[in-house]
Amino acid sequence: MRFKDFGRSTRIELSQMAKHLGMKFIGYNPAAREISLEHKGKGVTLHVDEFLESYQKKQQVV
């Protein structure tokens, strides 16, 4: 998945996805295509593809 706009709307969408997974969205680095999250009080950095794969798996389970 490629995001066309790296502005506010993308960050809002990523934040909602993270919340659905039980994480807190911290930031997005479009150059490295990485997402920074907080999970159980610890910082985690994931590649966009890994994050989206986790989200899609969660969506299939529900």
Protein backbone atom coordinates (compact mmCIF):
# COMPACT_ATOMS: atom_id res chain seq x y z
CA MET A 1 0.00 0.00 0.00
CA ARG A 2 1.32 3.42 -0.97
CA PHE A 3 0.01 6.55 0.65
CA LYS A 4 -0.43 9.42 -1.79
CA ASP A 5 -0.53 12.15 0.84
CA PHE A 6 1.74 12.03 3.86
CA GLY A 7 -0.15 14.81 5.56
CA ARG A 8 -2.63 14.92 8.33
CA SER A 9 -5.16 12.51 6.81
CA THR A 10 -2.61 9.70 6.54
CA ARG A 11 -1.50 10.23 10.11
CA ILE A 12 -5.11 10.18 11.32
CA GLU A 13 -5.75 6.94 9.44
CA LEU A 14 -2.59 5.31 10.84
CA SER A 15 -3.54 6.49 14.33
CA GLN A 16 -6.95 4.85 14.05
CA MET A 17 -5.38 1.61 12.80
CA ALA A 18 -2.92 1.61 15.69
CA LYS A 19 -5.70 2.22 18.21
CA HIS A 20 -7.62 -0.73 16.76
CA LEU A 21 -4.53 -2.90 17.36
CA GLY A 22 -4.21 -1.67 20.95
CA MET A 23 -1.22 0.59 20.27
CA LYS A 24 -0.59 4.33 20.36
CA PHE A 25 0.58 6.06 17.19
CA ILE A 26 3.67 8.23 17.70
CA GLY A 27 4.82 9.14 14.21
CA TYR A 28 5.40 8.22 10.60
CA ASN A 29 8.64 8.52 8.62
CA PRO A 30 7.74 8.57 4.92
CA ALA A 31 11.37 8.46 3.74
CA ALA A 32 12.08 5.19 5.55
CA ARG A 33 8.44 4.02 5.38
CA GLU A 34 8.42 3.32 9.12
CA ILE A 35 5.78 3.83 11.76
CA SER A 36 6.64 4.55 15.38
CA LEU A 37 4.21 3.15 17.92
CA GLU A 38 3.91 2.66 21.65
CA HIS A 39 2.87 -0.80 22.80
CA LYS A 40 2.59 -1.65 26.50
CA GLY A 41 4.73 1.36 27.41
CA LYS A 42 7.56 0.54 25.01
CA GLY A 43 8.43 2.19 21.73
CA VAL A 44 8.21 0.05 18.62
CA THR A 45 9.18 0.90 15.05
CA LEU A 46 7.63 -1.13 12.26
CA HIS A 47 7.87 -0.99 8.50
CA VAL A 48 4.60 0.11 6.90
CA ASP A 49 4.09 -3.27 5.23
CA GLU A 50 4.46 -5.15 8.53
CA PHE A 51 2.03 -2.80 10.24
CA LEU A 52 -0.57 -3.11 7.48
CA GLU A 53 -0.19 -6.89 7.46
CA SER A 54 -0.88 -6.98 11.22
CA TYR A 55 -3.89 -4.73 10.77
CA GLN A 56 -5.31 -6.84 7.94
CA LYS A 57 -4.90 -10.04 9.97
CA LYS A 58 -6.75 -8.42 12.87
CA GLN A 59 -9.55 -7.33 10.51
CA GLN A 60 -9.95 -10.90 9.21
CA VAL A 61 -10.24 -12.31 12.71
CA VAL A 62 -13.01 -9.88 13.71
